[in-house]
Amino acid sequence: MTTTMMMMMMMMMMMMMMMMMMMMMMMMMMMMMMMMMMMMMMMMMMMMMMMTTMMMI
């Protein structure tokens, strides 16, 4: 194997690693966003329940 081939392979590996890292970061961001949305929804539901109970009383 020549040096050029080795260099090319190394570059390819680096690119693949970078892509994988980017994908992982995107997935993490998506998960965080989903979690935030879920939390907001839960909070809204709780507030609604509290309001209804207050009204009942």
C-alpha atoms as a PDB file:
ATOM      1  CA  MET A   1       0.000   0.000   0.000  1.00  0.00           C
ATOM      2  CA  THR A   2       1.418   3.323  -0.981  1.00  0.00           C
ATOM      3  CA  THR A   3       1.430   6.412   1.157  1.00  0.00           C
ATOM      4  CA  THR A   4      -1.112   8.201  -1.001  1.00  0.00           C
ATOM      5  CA  MET A   5      -3.542   5.356  -0.546  1.00  0.00           C
ATOM      6  CA  MET A   6      -2.961   5.459   3.181  1.00  0.00           C
ATOM      7  CA  MET A   7      -3.584   9.183   3.252  1.00  0.00           C
ATOM      8  CA  MET A   8      -6.773   8.777   1.269  1.00  0.00           C
ATOM      9  CA  MET A   9      -7.976   6.078   3.609  1.00  0.00           C
ATOM     10  CA  MET A  10      -7.210   8.205   6.619  1.00  0.00           C
ATOM     11  CA  MET A  11      -9.113  11.116   5.148  1.00  0.00           C
ATOM     12  CA  MET A  12     -12.075   8.897   4.407  1.00  0.00           C
ATOM     13  CA  MET A  13     -12.050   7.556   7.936  1.00  0.00           C
ATOM     14  CA  MET A  14     -11.923  11.051   9.357  1.00  0.00           C
ATOM     15  CA  MET A  15     -14.816  12.139   7.189  1.00  0.00           C
ATOM     16  CA  MET A  16     -16.848   9.150   8.278  1.00  0.00           C
ATOM     17  CA  MET A  17     -16.129   9.877  11.909  1.00  0.00           C
ATOM     18  CA  MET A  18     -17.146  13.495  11.498  1.00  0.00           C
ATOM     19  CA  MET A  19     -20.370  12.481   9.813  1.00  0.00           C
ATOM     20  CA  MET A  20     -21.156  10.049  12.582  1.00  0.00           C
ATOM     21  CA  MET A  21     -20.504  12.687  15.203  1.00  0.00           C
ATOM     22  CA  MET A  22     -22.752  15.156  13.420  1.00  0.00           C
ATOM     23  CA  MET A  23     -25.513  12.591  13.194  1.00  0.00           C
ATOM     24  CA  MET A  24     -25.201  11.808  16.868  1.00  0.00           C
ATOM     25  CA  MET A  25     -25.350  15.483  17.763  1.00  0.00           C
ATOM     26  CA  MET A  26     -28.441  15.956  15.638  1.00  0.00           C
ATOM     27  CA  MET A  27     -30.104  12.991  17.274  1.00  0.00           C
ATOM     28  CA  MET A  28     -29.279  14.339  20.708  1.00  0.00           C
ATOM     29  CA  MET A  29     -30.694  17.732  19.831  1.00  0.00           C
ATOM     30  CA  MET A  30     -33.862  16.150  18.525  1.00  0.00           C
ATOM     31  CA  MET A  31     -34.220  14.107  21.680  1.00  0.00           C
ATOM     32  CA  MET A  32     -33.728  17.182  23.830  1.00  0.00           C
ATOM     33  CA  MET A  33     -36.331  19.093  21.864  1.00  0.00           C
ATOM     34  CA  MET A  34     -38.792  16.239  22.197  1.00  0.00           C
ATOM     35  CA  MET A  35     -38.190  16.060  25.921  1.00  0.00           C
ATOM     36  CA  MET A  36     -38.728  19.793  26.279  1.00  0.00           C
ATOM     37  CA  MET A  37     -41.955  19.599  24.323  1.00  0.00           C
ATOM     38  CA  MET A  38     -43.171  16.738  26.470  1.00  0.00           C
ATOM     39  CA  MET A  39     -42.347  18.650  29.627  1.00  0.00           C
ATOM     40  CA  MET A  40     -44.180  21.718  28.372  1.00  0.00           C
ATOM     41  CA  MET A  41     -47.217  19.635  27.519  1.00  0.00           C
ATOM     42  CA  MET A  42     -47.193  18.049  30.942  1.00  0.00           C
ATOM     43  CA  MET A  43     -46.938  21.443  32.601  1.00  0.00           C
ATOM     44  CA  MET A  44     -49.834  22.747  30.550  1.00  0.00           C
ATOM     45  CA  MET A  45     -51.933  19.744  31.496  1.00  0.00           C
ATOM     46  CA  MET A  46     -51.120  20.223  35.154  1.00  0.00           C
ATOM     47  CA  MET A  47     -52.041  23.893  34.977  1.00  0.00           C
ATOM     48  CA  MET A  48     -55.327  23.053  33.306  1.00  0.00           C
ATOM     49  CA  MET A  49     -56.127  20.501  35.973  1.00  0.00           C
ATOM     50  CA  MET A  50     -55.318  22.988  38.710  1.00  0.00           C
ATOM     51  CA  MET A  51     -57.515  25.610  37.087  1.00  0.00           C
ATOM     52  CA  THR A  52     -60.430  23.209  36.800  1.00  0.00           C
ATOM     53  CA  THR A  53     -60.089  22.132  40.411  1.00  0.00           C
ATOM     54  CA  MET A  54     -59.977  25.754  41.531  1.00  0.00           C
ATOM     55  CA  MET A  55     -63.080  26.493  39.514  1.00  0.00           C
ATOM     56  CA  MET A  56     -64.841  23.502  40.988  1.00  0.00           C
ATOM     57  CA  ILE A  57     -64.007  24.709  44.435  1.00  0.00           C
END
